[in-house]
PDB file of N, CA and C in Angstrom:
ATOM      1  N   UNK A   1     133.322 128.710  42.954  1.00  0.00           N
ATOM      2  CA  UNK A   1     132.236 128.568  41.726  1.00  0.00           C
ATOM      3  C   UNK A   1     133.007 128.090  40.879  1.00  0.00           C
ATOM      4  N   UNK A   2     132.162 127.192  40.066  1.00  0.00           N
ATOM      5  CA  UNK A   2     130.819 127.256  39.969  1.00  0.00           C
ATOM      6  C   UNK A   2     130.524 126.340  41.183  1.00  0.00           C
ATOM      7  N   UNK A   3     128.982 126.822  40.997  1.00  0.00           N
ATOM      8  CA  UNK A   3     127.765 126.398  41.582  1.00  0.00           C
ATOM      9  C   UNK A   3     127.181 124.972  40.545  1.00  0.00           C
ATOM     10  N   UNK A   4     127.047 123.779  40.431  1.00  0.00           N
ATOM     11  CA  UNK A   4     126.681 123.093  39.602  1.00  0.00           C
ATOM     12  C   UNK A   4     125.600 122.276  40.005  1.00  0.00           C
ATOM     13  N   UNK A   5     124.302 122.164  39.688  1.00  0.00           N
ATOM     14  CA  UNK A   5     123.582 121.210  39.624  1.00  0.00           C
ATOM     15  C   UNK A   5     122.786 120.632  38.909  1.00  0.00           C
ATOM     16  N   UNK A   6     122.687 119.050  39.101  1.00  0.00           N
ATOM     17  CA  UNK A   6     122.369 118.313  38.355  1.00  0.00           C
ATOM     18  C   UNK A   6     121.033 117.368  38.378  1.00  0.00           C
ATOM     19  N   UNK A   7     120.121 118.095  37.922  1.00  0.00           N
ATOM     20  CA  UNK A   7     118.460 117.360  38.187  1.00  0.00           C
ATOM     21  C   UNK A   7     118.435 116.148  37.331  1.00  0.00           C
ATOM     22  N   UNK A   8     117.420 115.406  37.727  1.00  0.00           N
ATOM     23  CA  UNK A   8     117.553 113.800  36.866  1.00  0.00           C
ATOM     24  C   UNK A   8     116.186 113.037  37.346  1.00  0.00           C
ATOM     25  N   UNK A   9     115.493 112.397  36.687  1.00  0.00           N
ATOM     26  CA  UNK A   9     114.286 111.653  36.647  1.00  0.00           C
ATOM     27  C   UNK A   9     114.638 110.868  37.557  1.00  0.00           C
ATOM     28  N   UNK A  10     113.769 110.057  38.161  1.00  0.00           N
ATOM     29  CA  UNK A  10     113.734 109.010  38.808  1.00  0.00           C
ATOM     30  C   UNK A  10     114.568 107.323  37.860  1.00  0.00           C
ATOM     31  N   UNK A  11     113.979 107.321  36.885  1.00  0.00           N
ATOM     32  CA  UNK A  11     114.274 106.137  35.775  1.00  0.00           C
ATOM     33  C   UNK A  11     115.521 105.801  35.757  1.00  0.00           C
ATOM     34  N   UNK A  12     116.347 107.396  35.961  1.00  0.00           N
ATOM     35  CA  UNK A  12     117.750 106.945  35.650  1.00  0.00           C
ATOM     36  C   UNK A  12     118.774 106.503  36.955  1.00  0.00           C
ATOM     37  N   UNK A  13     118.072 106.682  37.941  1.00  0.00           N
ATOM     38  CA  UNK A  13     118.576 106.376  39.740  1.00  0.00           C
ATOM     39  C   UNK A  13     119.883 104.919  39.749  1.00  0.00           C
ATOM     40  N   UNK A  14     119.288 104.136  38.690  1.00  0.00           N
ATOM     41  CA  UNK A  14     120.369 103.105  39.083  1.00  0.00           C
ATOM     42  C   UNK A  14     121.452 102.705  38.258  1.00  0.00           C
ATOM     43  N   UNK A  15     121.188 103.570  36.786  1.00  0.00           N
ATOM     44  CA  UNK A  15     121.939 103.391  35.563  1.00  0.00           C
ATOM     45  C   UNK A  15     123.075 104.887  35.760  1.00  0.00           C
ATOM     46  N   UNK A  16     122.901 105.779  36.164  1.00  0.00           N
ATOM     47  CA  UNK A  16     123.559 106.922  36.261  1.00  0.00           C
ATOM     48  C   UNK A  16     124.693 107.134  37.622  1.00  0.00           C
ATOM     49  N   UNK A  17     126.086 107.432  36.617  1.00  0.00           N
ATOM     50  CA  UNK A  17     126.914 107.170  37.370  1.00  0.00           C
ATOM     51  C   UNK A  17     127.453 108.957  37.915  1.00  0.00           C
ATOM     52  N   UNK A  18     126.515 109.254  38.816  1.00  0.00           N
ATOM     53  CA  UNK A  18     126.713 110.558  39.107  1.00  0.00           C
ATOM     54  C   UNK A  18     127.822 111.026  39.884  1.00  0.00           C
ATOM     55  N   UNK A  19     129.035 110.231  40.377  1.00  0.00           N
ATOM     56  CA  UNK A  19     130.150 110.296  40.859  1.00  0.00           C
ATOM     57  C   UNK A  19     130.828 110.937  39.685  1.00  0.00           C
ATOM     58  N   UNK A  20     130.780 109.794  38.738  1.00  0.00           N
ATOM     59  CA  UNK A  20     132.278 109.971  37.870  1.00  0.00           C
ATOM     60  C   UNK A  20     130.998 111.129  36.987  1.00  0.00           C
ATOM     61  N   UNK A  21     130.408 111.191  36.674  1.00  0.00           N
ATOM     62  CA  UNK A  21     129.581 112.862  35.397  1.00  0.00           C
ATOM     63  C   UNK A  21     129.779 114.056  36.803  1.00  0.00           C
ATOM     64  N   UNK A  22     129.612 113.981  37.942  1.00  0.00           N
ATOM     65  CA  UNK A  22     130.258 114.842  38.921  1.00  0.00           C
ATOM     66  C   UNK A  22     131.876 115.608  38.819  1.00  0.00           C
ATOM     67  N   UNK A  23     132.660 114.171  38.853  1.00  0.00           N
ATOM     68  CA  UNK A  23     134.063 114.770  38.450  1.00  0.00           C
ATOM     69  C   UNK A  23     134.027 115.028  36.974  1.00  0.00           C
ATOM     70  N   UNK A  24     133.976 114.937  35.940  1.00  0.00           N
ATOM     71  CA  UNK A  24     133.862 115.414  34.914  1.00  0.00           C
ATOM     72  C   UNK A  24     133.423 116.436  34.804  1.00  0.00           C
ATOM     73  N   UNK A  25     132.524 116.818  35.195  1.00  0.00           N
ATOM     74  CA  UNK A  25     131.449 118.260  34.965  1.00  0.00           C
ATOM     75  C   UNK A  25     132.609 119.164  35.539  1.00  0.00           C
ATOM     76  N   UNK A  26     133.406 119.033  36.856  1.00  0.00           N
ATOM     77  CA  UNK A  26     134.423 119.606  37.507  1.00  0.00           C
ATOM     78  C   UNK A  26     135.558 119.869  36.281  1.00  0.00           C
ATOM     79  N   UNK A  27     135.834 118.627  35.924  1.00  0.00           N
ATOM     80  CA  UNK A  27     136.987 119.231  35.055  1.00  0.00           C
ATOM     81  C   UNK A  27     136.861 120.141  33.784  1.00  0.00           C
ATOM     82  N   UNK A  28     135.895 119.673  33.248  1.00  0.00           N
ATOM     83  CA  UNK A  28     135.385 120.544  32.100  1.00  0.00           C
ATOM     84  C   UNK A  28     135.377 122.169  32.494  1.00  0.00           C
ATOM     85  N   UNK A  29     134.920 122.330  33.794  1.00  0.00           N
ATOM     86  CA  UNK A  29     134.797 123.563  34.090  1.00  0.00           C
ATOM     87  C   UNK A  29     136.335 124.317  34.085  1.00  0.00           C
ATOM     88  N   UNK A  30     137.089 123.847  34.621  1.00  0.00           N
ATOM     89  CA  UNK A  30     138.420 124.014  34.950  1.00  0.00           C
ATOM     90  C   UNK A  30     139.476 124.022  33.739  1.00  0.00           C
ATOM     91  N   UNK A  31     138.719 123.486  32.854  1.00  0.00           N
ATOM     92  CA  UNK A  31     139.845 123.535  31.474  1.00  0.00           C
ATOM     93  C   UNK A  31     138.826 124.103  30.163  1.00  0.00           C
ATOM     94  N   UNK A  32     137.394 124.435  30.307  1.00  0.00           N
ATOM     95  CA  UNK A  32     136.857 125.063  29.978  1.00  0.00           C
ATOM     96  C   UNK A  32     136.829 127.215  29.889  1.00  0.00           C
ATOM     97  N   UNK A  33     136.341 126.988  31.270  1.00  0.00           N
ATOM     98  CA  UNK A  33     135.704 128.081  32.012  1.00  0.00           C
ATOM     99  C   UNK A  33     136.424 128.848  33.056  1.00  0.00           C
ATOM    100  N   UNK A  34     138.343 128.448  32.832  1.00  0.00           N
ATOM    101  CA  UNK A  34     138.859 128.710  33.865  1.00  0.00           C
ATOM    102  C   UNK A  34     138.773 128.721  35.626  1.00  0.00           C
ATOM    103  N   UNK A  35     137.905 128.041  35.969  1.00  0.00           N
ATOM    104  CA  UNK A  35     137.184 127.963  37.430  1.00  0.00           C
ATOM    105  C   UNK A  35     138.834 127.095  38.222  1.00  0.00           C
ATOM    106  N   UNK A  36     138.279 127.197  39.380  1.00  0.00           N
ATOM    107  CA  UNK A  36     139.298 126.472  40.257  1.00  0.00           C
ATOM    108  C   UNK A  36     139.124 125.337  41.213  1.00  0.00           C
ATOM    109  N   UNK A  37     139.683 124.584  40.825  1.00  0.00           N
ATOM    110  CA  UNK A  37     139.099 122.799  41.130  1.00  0.00           C
ATOM    111  C   UNK A  37     138.710 123.067  42.453  1.00  0.00           C
ATOM    112  N   UNK A  38     139.420 123.577  43.544  1.00  0.00           N
ATOM    113  CA  UNK A  38     138.653 123.922  44.520  1.00  0.00           C
ATOM    114  C   UNK A  38     137.545 124.598  44.950  1.00  0.00           C
ATOM    115  N   UNK A  39     137.053 125.020  44.092  1.00  0.00           N
ATOM    116  CA  UNK A  39     135.914 125.720  43.783  1.00  0.00           C
ATOM    117  C   UNK A  39     134.514 125.125  43.215  1.00  0.00           C
ATOM    118  N   UNK A  40     134.633 124.219  42.509  1.00  0.00           N
ATOM    119  CA  UNK A  40     133.949 123.349  41.480  1.00  0.00           C
ATOM    120  C   UNK A  40     132.693 122.609  42.896  1.00  0.00           C
ATOM    121  N   UNK A  41     131.453 123.115  42.965  1.00  0.00           N
ATOM    122  CA  UNK A  41     130.665 122.424  43.644  1.00  0.00           C
ATOM    123  C   UNK A  41     129.298 121.568  42.765  1.00  0.00           C
ATOM    124  N   UNK A  42     129.305 120.578  43.238  1.00  0.00           N
ATOM    125  CA  UNK A  42     128.509 119.855  41.762  1.00  0.00           C
ATOM    126  C   UNK A  42     127.676 118.555  43.018  1.00  0.00           C
ATOM    127  N   UNK A  43     126.102 119.347  42.822  1.00  0.00           N
ATOM    128  CA  UNK A  43     125.046 118.220  43.508  1.00  0.00           C
ATOM    129  C   UNK A  43     123.861 117.742  42.766  1.00  0.00           C
ATOM    130  N   UNK A  44     123.418 116.859  43.288  1.00  0.00           N
ATOM    131  CA  UNK A  44     122.719 116.322  42.292  1.00  0.00           C
ATOM    132  C   UNK A  44     120.826 115.833  43.054  1.00  0.00           C
ATOM    133  N   UNK A  45     120.099 115.742  41.856  1.00  0.00           N
ATOM    134  CA  UNK A  45     118.262 116.044  42.972  1.00  0.00           C
ATOM    135  C   UNK A  45     118.061 114.903  42.013  1.00  0.00           C
ATOM    136  N   UNK A  46     116.932 114.037  42.589  1.00  0.00           N
ATOM    137  CA  UNK A  46     116.993 113.085  42.117  1.00  0.00           C
ATOM    138  C   UNK A  46     115.325 114.141  41.908  1.00  0.00           C
ATOM    139  N   UNK A  47     114.579 113.776  40.965  1.00  0.00           N
ATOM    140  CA  UNK A  47     112.862 114.016  40.599  1.00  0.00           C
ATOM    141  C   UNK A  47     112.323 112.898  40.586  1.00  0.00           C
ATOM    142  N   UNK A  48     111.089 112.995  41.189  1.00  0.00           N
ATOM    143  CA  UNK A  48     110.196 111.432  40.677  1.00  0.00           C
ATOM    144  C   UNK A  48     109.417 111.357  39.405  1.00  0.00           C
ATOM    145  N   UNK A  49     109.788 112.703  38.855  1.00  0.00           N
ATOM    146  CA  UNK A  49     108.373 112.648  37.371  1.00  0.00           C
ATOM    147  C   UNK A  49     109.268 114.015  36.954  1.00  0.00           C
ATOM    148  N   UNK A  50     108.840 113.924  35.376  1.00  0.00           N
ATOM    149  CA  UNK A  50     109.040 115.089  34.645  1.00  0.00           C
ATOM    150  C   UNK A  50     108.296 114.647  33.434  1.00  0.00           C
ATOM    151  N   UNK A  51     107.909 115.927  32.958  1.00  0.00           N
ATOM    152  CA  UNK A  51     106.767 115.744  31.735  1.00  0.00           C
ATOM    153  C   UNK A  51     107.206 116.542  30.333  1.00  0.00           C
ATOM    154  N   UNK A  52     107.944 115.746  29.550  1.00  0.00           N
ATOM    155  CA  UNK A  52     108.451 116.576  28.148  1.00  0.00           C
ATOM    156  C   UNK A  52     107.514 116.230  26.950  1.00  0.00           C
ATOM    157  N   UNK A  53     107.450 117.741  26.184  1.00  0.00           N
ATOM    158  CA  UNK A  53     106.640 117.572  25.280  1.00  0.00           C
ATOM    159  C   UNK A  53     104.848 117.423  25.540  1.00  0.00           C
ATOM    160  N   UNK A  54     104.124 116.767  24.146  1.00  0.00           N
ATOM    161  CA  UNK A  54     102.811 117.284  24.288  1.00  0.00           C
ATOM    162  C   UNK A  54     102.402 115.479  24.041  1.00  0.00           C
ATOM    163  N   UNK A  55     103.206 114.659  24.223  1.00  0.00           N
ATOM    164  CA  UNK A  55     102.780 113.543  23.655  1.00  0.00           C
ATOM    165  C   UNK A  55     102.955 112.566  24.597  1.00  0.00           C
ATOM    166  N   UNK A  56     102.565 111.094  24.202  1.00  0.00           N
ATOM    167  CA  UNK A  56     102.533 110.257  25.254  1.00  0.00           C
ATOM    168  C   UNK A  56     104.242 109.608  25.843  1.00  0.00           C
ATOM    169  N   UNK A  57     105.157 110.077  24.633  1.00  0.00           N
ATOM    170  CA  UNK A  57     106.477 109.316  25.015  1.00  0.00           C
ATOM    171  C   UNK A  57     106.674 109.567  26.173  1.00  0.00           C
ATOM    172  N   UNK A  58     107.513 109.004  26.892  1.00  0.00           N
ATOM    173  CA  UNK A  58     108.473 109.225  28.745  1.00  0.00           C
ATOM    174  C   UNK A  58     109.953 109.208  28.613  1.00  0.00           C
ATOM    175  N   UNK A  59     110.307 110.412  28.129  1.00  0.00           N
ATOM    176  CA  UNK A  59     111.844 110.417  28.283  1.00  0.00           C
ATOM    177  C   UNK A  59     112.202 110.305  29.573  1.00  0.00           C
ATOM    178  N   UNK A  60     113.485 110.381  30.104  1.00  0.00           N
ATOM    179  CA  UNK A  60     114.405 110.558  31.541  1.00  0.00           C
ATOM    180  C   UNK A  60     114.336 112.138  31.243  1.00  0.00           C
ATOM    181  N   UNK A  61     115.012 112.591  32.220  1.00  0.00           N
ATOM    182  CA  UNK A  61     115.342 114.221  31.814  1.00  0.00           C
ATOM    183  C   UNK A  61     116.618 114.531  32.784  1.00  0.00           C
ATOM    184  N   UNK A  62     117.404 114.751  31.590  1.00  0.00           N
ATOM    185  CA  UNK A  62     118.975 115.313  32.969  1.00  0.00           C
ATOM    186  C   UNK A  62     118.839 116.838  32.430  1.00  0.00           C
ATOM    187  N   UNK A  63     118.954 117.640  33.707  1.00  0.00           N
ATOM    188  CA  UNK A  63     118.650 119.264  33.357  1.00  0.00           C
ATOM    189  C   UNK A  63     119.970 119.702  34.277  1.00  0.00           C
ATOM    190  N   UNK A  64     121.007 120.383  34.046  1.00  0.00           N
ATOM    191  CA  UNK A  64     122.250 120.930  34.366  1.00  0.00           C
ATOM    192  C   UNK A  64     122.324 122.152  34.611  1.00  0.00           C
ATOM    193  N   UNK A  65     122.493 122.421  35.398  1.00  0.00           N
ATOM    194  CA  UNK A  65     122.562 124.528  35.691  1.00  0.00           C
ATOM    195  C   UNK A  65     124.159 124.569  36.264  1.00  0.00           C
ATOM    196  N   UNK A  66     124.899 125.416  35.721  1.00  0.00           N
ATOM    197  CA  UNK A  66     125.839 125.820  35.799  1.00  0.00           C
ATOM    198  C   UNK A  66     126.022 127.925  36.054  1.00  0.00           C
ATOM    199  N   UNK A  67     125.934 127.438  37.572  1.00  0.00           N
ATOM    200  CA  UNK A  67     125.389 129.457  38.110  1.00  0.00           C
ATOM    201  C   UNK A  67     127.259 129.821  38.607  1.00  0.00           C
ATOM    202  N   UNK A  68     128.002 130.810  37.346  1.00  0.00           N
ATOM    203  CA  UNK A  68     128.985 131.208  37.664  1.00  0.00           C
ATOM    204  C   UNK A  68     129.301 132.447  37.729  1.00  0.00           C
ATOM    205  N   UNK A  69     130.512 132.605  38.245  1.00  0.00           N
ATOM    206  CA  UNK A  69     130.598 134.578  38.082  1.00  0.00           C
ATOM    207  C   UNK A  69     130.776 134.909  37.008  1.00  0.00           C
ATOM    208  N   UNK A  70     130.682 136.193  36.528  1.00  0.00           N
ATOM    209  CA  UNK A  70     130.818 136.868  35.031  1.00  0.00           C
ATOM    210  C   UNK A  70     132.154 136.993  34.709  1.00  0.00           C
ATOM    211  N   UNK A  71     132.107 137.165  33.703  1.00  0.00           N
ATOM    212  CA  UNK A  71     133.320 137.734  32.793  1.00  0.00           C
ATOM    213  C   UNK A  71     133.633 136.312  31.680  1.00  0.00           C
ATOM    214  N   UNK A  72     132.786 135.028  31.505  1.00  0.00           N
ATOM    215  CA  UNK A  72     133.068 134.180  30.884  1.00  0.00           C
ATOM    216  C   UNK A  72     132.721 134.639  29.454  1.00  0.00           C
ATOM    217  N   UNK A  73     133.178 134.565  27.976  1.00  0.00           N
ATOM    218  CA  UNK A  73     132.723 135.024  27.039  1.00  0.00           C
ATOM    219  C   UNK A  73     131.511 133.763  26.621  1.00  0.00           C
ATOM    220  N   UNK A  74     130.366 134.538  25.760  1.00  0.00           N
ATOM    221  CA  UNK A  74     129.388 133.648  24.629  1.00  0.00           C
ATOM    222  C   UNK A  74     130.059 132.379  24.215  1.00  0.00           C
ATOM    223  N   UNK A  75     131.315 132.288  23.544  1.00  0.00           N
ATOM    224  CA  UNK A  75     132.067 131.151  23.483  1.00  0.00           C
ATOM    225  C   UNK A  75     132.708 130.397  24.424  1.00  0.00           C
ATOM    226  N   UNK A  76     132.952 130.836  25.316  1.00  0.00           N
ATOM    227  CA  UNK A  76     133.405 129.620  26.431  1.00  0.00           C
ATOM    228  C   UNK A  76     132.282 128.971  27.167  1.00  0.00           C
ATOM    229  N   UNK A  77     131.116 129.960  27.471  1.00  0.00           N
ATOM    230  CA  UNK A  77     129.675 128.713  28.029  1.00  0.00           C
ATOM    231  C   UNK A  77     129.021 128.368  27.478  1.00  0.00           C
ATOM    232  N   UNK A  78     129.318 128.194  25.549  1.00  0.00           N
ATOM    233  CA  UNK A  78     128.646 127.585  24.756  1.00  0.00           C
ATOM    234  C   UNK A  78     129.587 126.625  24.409  1.00  0.00           C
ATOM    235  N   UNK A  79     130.944 126.735  24.442  1.00  0.00           N
ATOM    236  CA  UNK A  79     132.040 125.435  24.228  1.00  0.00           C
ATOM    237  C   UNK A  79     131.578 124.658  25.524  1.00  0.00           C
ATOM    238  N   UNK A  80     131.572 124.856  27.187  1.00  0.00           N
ATOM    239  CA  UNK A  80     131.550 123.502  27.965  1.00  0.00           C
ATOM    240  C   UNK A  80     129.759 123.378  27.844  1.00  0.00           C
ATOM    241  N   UNK A  81     128.684 124.198  27.404  1.00  0.00           N
ATOM    242  CA  UNK A  81     127.378 123.524  27.262  1.00  0.00           C
ATOM    243  C   UNK A  81     127.716 122.243  25.967  1.00  0.00           C
ATOM    244  N   UNK A  82     128.252 122.540  25.198  1.00  0.00           N
ATOM    245  CA  UNK A  82     128.439 121.624  24.263  1.00  0.00           C
ATOM    246  C   UNK A  82     129.206 120.480  24.814  1.00  0.00           C
ATOM    247  N   UNK A  83     130.015 120.556  25.641  1.00  0.00           N
ATOM    248  CA  UNK A  83     131.280 119.609  25.720  1.00  0.00           C
ATOM    249  C   UNK A  83     130.493 119.034  27.457  1.00  0.00           C
ATOM    250  N   UNK A  84     129.513 119.277  27.894  1.00  0.00           N
ATOM    251  CA  UNK A  84     128.748 118.552  28.866  1.00  0.00           C
ATOM    252  C   UNK A  84     127.520 117.796  28.137  1.00  0.00           C
ATOM    253  N   UNK A  85     127.306 118.075  27.079  1.00  0.00           N
ATOM    254  CA  UNK A  85     126.136 117.272  27.073  1.00  0.00           C
ATOM    255  C   UNK A  85     127.035 115.995  25.948  1.00  0.00           C
ATOM    256  N   UNK A  86     128.114 116.256  25.550  1.00  0.00           N
ATOM    257  CA  UNK A  86     129.126 115.391  24.425  1.00  0.00           C
ATOM    258  C   UNK A  86     128.876 114.267  25.656  1.00  0.00           C
ATOM    259  N   UNK A  87     129.439 114.234  27.082  1.00  0.00           N
ATOM    260  CA  UNK A  87     130.185 114.003  27.520  1.00  0.00           C
ATOM    261  C   UNK A  87     129.334 112.687  28.592  1.00  0.00           C
ATOM    262  N   UNK A  88     128.094 113.685  28.815  1.00  0.00           N
ATOM    263  CA  UNK A  88     126.742 112.915  29.733  1.00  0.00           C
ATOM    264  C   UNK A  88     126.162 111.061  29.393  1.00  0.00           C
ATOM    265  N   UNK A  89     126.148 110.775  28.162  1.00  0.00           N
ATOM    266  CA  UNK A  89     125.860 109.512  27.454  1.00  0.00           C
ATOM    267  C   UNK A  89     126.855 108.233  28.412  1.00  0.00           C
ATOM    268  N   UNK A  90     128.504 108.710  28.297  1.00  0.00           N
ATOM    269  CA  UNK A  90     128.934 107.839  28.887  1.00  0.00           C
ATOM    270  C   UNK A  90     128.710 107.553  30.274  1.00  0.00           C
ATOM    271  N   UNK A  91     127.789 108.623  30.620  1.00  0.00           N
ATOM    272  CA  UNK A  91     127.891 108.569  32.445  1.00  0.00           C
ATOM    273  C   UNK A  91     126.594 107.491  32.408  1.00  0.00           C
ATOM    274  N   UNK A  92     125.559 107.180  31.297  1.00  0.00           N
ATOM    275  CA  UNK A  92     123.826 106.509  31.791  1.00  0.00           C
ATOM    276  C   UNK A  92     123.797 105.429  31.785  1.00  0.00           C
ATOM    277  N   UNK A  93     124.924 104.626  31.864  1.00  0.00           N
ATOM    278  CA  UNK A  93     124.969 103.562  31.455  1.00  0.00           C
ATOM    279  C   UNK A  93     124.541 102.907  30.043  1.00  0.00           C
ATOM    280  N   UNK A  94     124.265 101.522  30.137  1.00  0.00           N
ATOM    281  CA  UNK A  94     124.194 100.569  28.344  1.00  0.00           C
ATOM    282  C   UNK A  94     123.012 100.765  27.956  1.00  0.00           C
ATOM    283  N   UNK A  95     121.801 100.975  28.563  1.00  0.00           N
ATOM    284  CA  UNK A  95     120.559 101.291  27.853  1.00  0.00           C
ATOM    285  C   UNK A  95     119.635 102.015  29.010  1.00  0.00           C
ATOM    286  N   UNK A  96     119.812 103.782  29.075  1.00  0.00           N
ATOM    287  CA  UNK A  96     119.053 104.260  29.892  1.00  0.00           C
ATOM    288  C   UNK A  96     117.490 104.660  29.824  1.00  0.00           C
ATOM    289  N   UNK A  97     117.434 104.529  27.921  1.00  0.00           N
ATOM    290  CA  UNK A  97     116.162 104.409  26.947  1.00  0.00           C
ATOM    291  C   UNK A  97     116.216 105.929  26.646  1.00  0.00           C
ATOM    292  N   UNK A  98     115.260 106.642  26.001  1.00  0.00           N
ATOM    293  CA  UNK A  98     115.067 108.042  25.792  1.00  0.00           C
ATOM    294  C   UNK A  98     115.513 109.067  26.607  1.00  0.00           C
ATOM    295  N   UNK A  99     116.030 109.782  26.643  1.00  0.00           N
ATOM    296  CA  UNK A  99     116.560 110.839  27.425  1.00  0.00           C
ATOM    297  C   UNK A  99     117.381 112.443  26.688  1.00  0.00           C
ATOM    298  N   UNK A 100     116.444 113.371  27.447  1.00  0.00           N
ATOM    299  CA  UNK A 100     116.319 114.239  27.144  1.00  0.00           C
ATOM    300  C   UNK A 100     117.038 115.121  28.146  1.00  0.00           C
ATOM    301  N   UNK A 101     117.883 116.081  27.431  1.00  0.00           N
ATOM    302  CA  UNK A 101     118.983 116.674  28.337  1.00  0.00           C
ATOM    303  C   UNK A 101     119.226 118.302  28.176  1.00  0.00           C
ATOM    304  N   UNK A 102     119.474 118.937  29.275  1.00  0.00           N
ATOM    305  CA  UNK A 102     119.507 120.077  29.011  1.00  0.00           C
ATOM    306  C   UNK A 102     120.199 120.423  29.639  1.00  0.00           C
ATOM    307  N   UNK A 103     121.506 122.108  29.162  1.00  0.00           N
ATOM    308  CA  UNK A 103     122.462 122.838  29.831  1.00  0.00           C
ATOM    309  C   UNK A 103     122.247 124.324  30.104  1.00  0.00           C
ATOM    310  N   UNK A 104     122.332 124.829  31.102  1.00  0.00           N
ATOM    311  CA  UNK A 104     121.788 125.996  31.071  1.00  0.00           C
ATOM    312  C   UNK A 104     123.211 126.892  32.088  1.00  0.00           C
ATOM    313  N   UNK A 105     123.595 127.545  31.344  1.00  0.00           N
ATOM    314  CA  UNK A 105     124.923 128.380  32.355  1.00  0.00           C
ATOM    315  C   UNK A 105     124.510 130.203  32.568  1.00  0.00           C
ATOM    316  N   UNK A 106     124.480 130.243  33.718  1.00  0.00           N
ATOM    317  CA  UNK A 106     124.174 131.480  34.228  1.00  0.00           C
ATOM    318  C   UNK A 106     124.672 132.626  35.206  1.00  0.00           C
ATOM    319  N   UNK A 107     124.683 133.580  34.935  1.00  0.00           N
ATOM    320  CA  UNK A 107     125.804 134.663  35.815  1.00  0.00           C
ATOM    321  C   UNK A 107     125.258 134.901  37.123  1.00  0.00           C
ATOM    322  N   UNK A 108     126.168 134.731  38.080  1.00  0.00           N
ATOM    323  CA  UNK A 108     125.753 135.209  39.456  1.00  0.00           C
ATOM    324  C   UNK A 108     126.285 136.634  40.065  1.00  0.00           C
ATOM    325  N   UNK A 109     126.064 137.326  40.790  1.00  0.00           N
ATOM    326  CA  UNK A 109     126.773 138.263  41.400  1.00  0.00           C
ATOM    327  C   UNK A 109     127.839 138.071  42.299  1.00  0.00           C
ATOM    328  N   UNK A 110     128.951 138.345  41.865  1.00  0.00           N
ATOM    329  CA  UNK A 110     130.061 138.154  42.619  1.00  0.00           C
ATOM    330  C   UNK A 110     130.041 138.742  44.146  1.00  0.00           C
ATOM    331  N   UNK A 111     129.436 140.101  44.002  1.00  0.00           N
ATOM    332  CA  UNK A 111     129.533 140.441  45.174  1.00  0.00           C
ATOM    333  C   UNK A 111     128.711 140.200  46.528  1.00  0.00           C
ATOM    334  N   UNK A 112     127.787 139.448  46.085  1.00  0.00           N
ATOM    335  CA  UNK A 112     126.873 138.739  47.376  1.00  0.00           C
ATOM    336  C   UNK A 112     127.021 137.140  47.249  1.00  0.00           C
ATOM    337  N   UNK A 113     128.105 136.469  46.739  1.00  0.00           N
ATOM    338  CA  UNK A 113     128.193 135.345  47.046  1.00  0.00           C
ATOM    339  C   UNK A 113     128.687 135.081  47.895  1.00  0.00           C
ATOM    340  N   UNK A 114     128.896 133.954  48.862  1.00  0.00           N
ATOM    341  CA  UNK A 114     129.502 133.617  49.578  1.00  0.00           C
ATOM    342  C   UNK A 114     129.470 131.991  49.711  1.00  0.00           C
ATOM    343  N   UNK A 115     130.837 131.606  50.460  1.00  0.00           N
ATOM    344  CA  UNK A 115     131.233 130.412  50.565  1.00  0.00           C
ATOM    345  C   UNK A 115     132.089 130.229  51.693  1.00  0.00           C
ATOM    346  N   UNK A 116     131.550 128.913  52.532  1.00  0.00           N
ATOM    347  CA  UNK A 116     132.478 128.735  54.092  1.00  0.00           C
ATOM    348  C   UNK A 116     132.333 127.668  53.988  1.00  0.00           C
ATOM    349  N   UNK A 117     133.044 127.088  54.597  1.00  0.00           N
ATOM    350  CA  UNK A 117     133.501 125.178  55.098  1.00  0.00           C
ATOM    351  C   UNK A 117     133.444 125.496  56.633  1.00  0.00           C
ATOM    352  N   UNK A 118     132.930 124.314  56.921  1.00  0.00           N
ATOM    353  CA  UNK A 118     132.817 124.057  58.616  1.00  0.00           C
ATOM    354  C   UNK A 118     133.040 123.133  58.810  1.00  0.00           C
ATOM    355  N   UNK A 119     133.880 122.972  60.099  1.00  0.00           N
ATOM    356  CA  UNK A 119     134.322 121.382  60.673  1.00  0.00           C
ATOM    357  C   UNK A 119     135.483 120.846  59.993  1.00  0.00           C
ATOM    358  N   UNK A 120     135.678 119.670  60.736  1.00  0.00           N
ATOM    359  CA  UNK A 120     137.031 118.839  60.104  1.00  0.00           C
ATOM    360  C   UNK A 120     138.427 119.351  59.473  1.00  0.00           C
TER     361      UNK A 120
END
């Protein structure tokens, strides 16, 4: 834990350094919410389309969700969210156009969560 999911719109596919951002997210989780490095799991999901707002301006969207175990302070969760948003532009390339970004941090029940590794 944490399980980190990054949804991003199709327009960013060629300019978004996902591997670099994923590694940065994992390091931030270790530093700011005391996550174990080997427990950080980050996945990326490309979406074809997003609609933001009610006008004609087209934004790309990056929506980042952190699923964590309970016990972190609101201050630690806020610091993580702010650090993630501050880090994101570095991984979006030279000219990604207009981008909206969100970070959501939510807790999952430790007693019902399971993880396993298989093979090799």
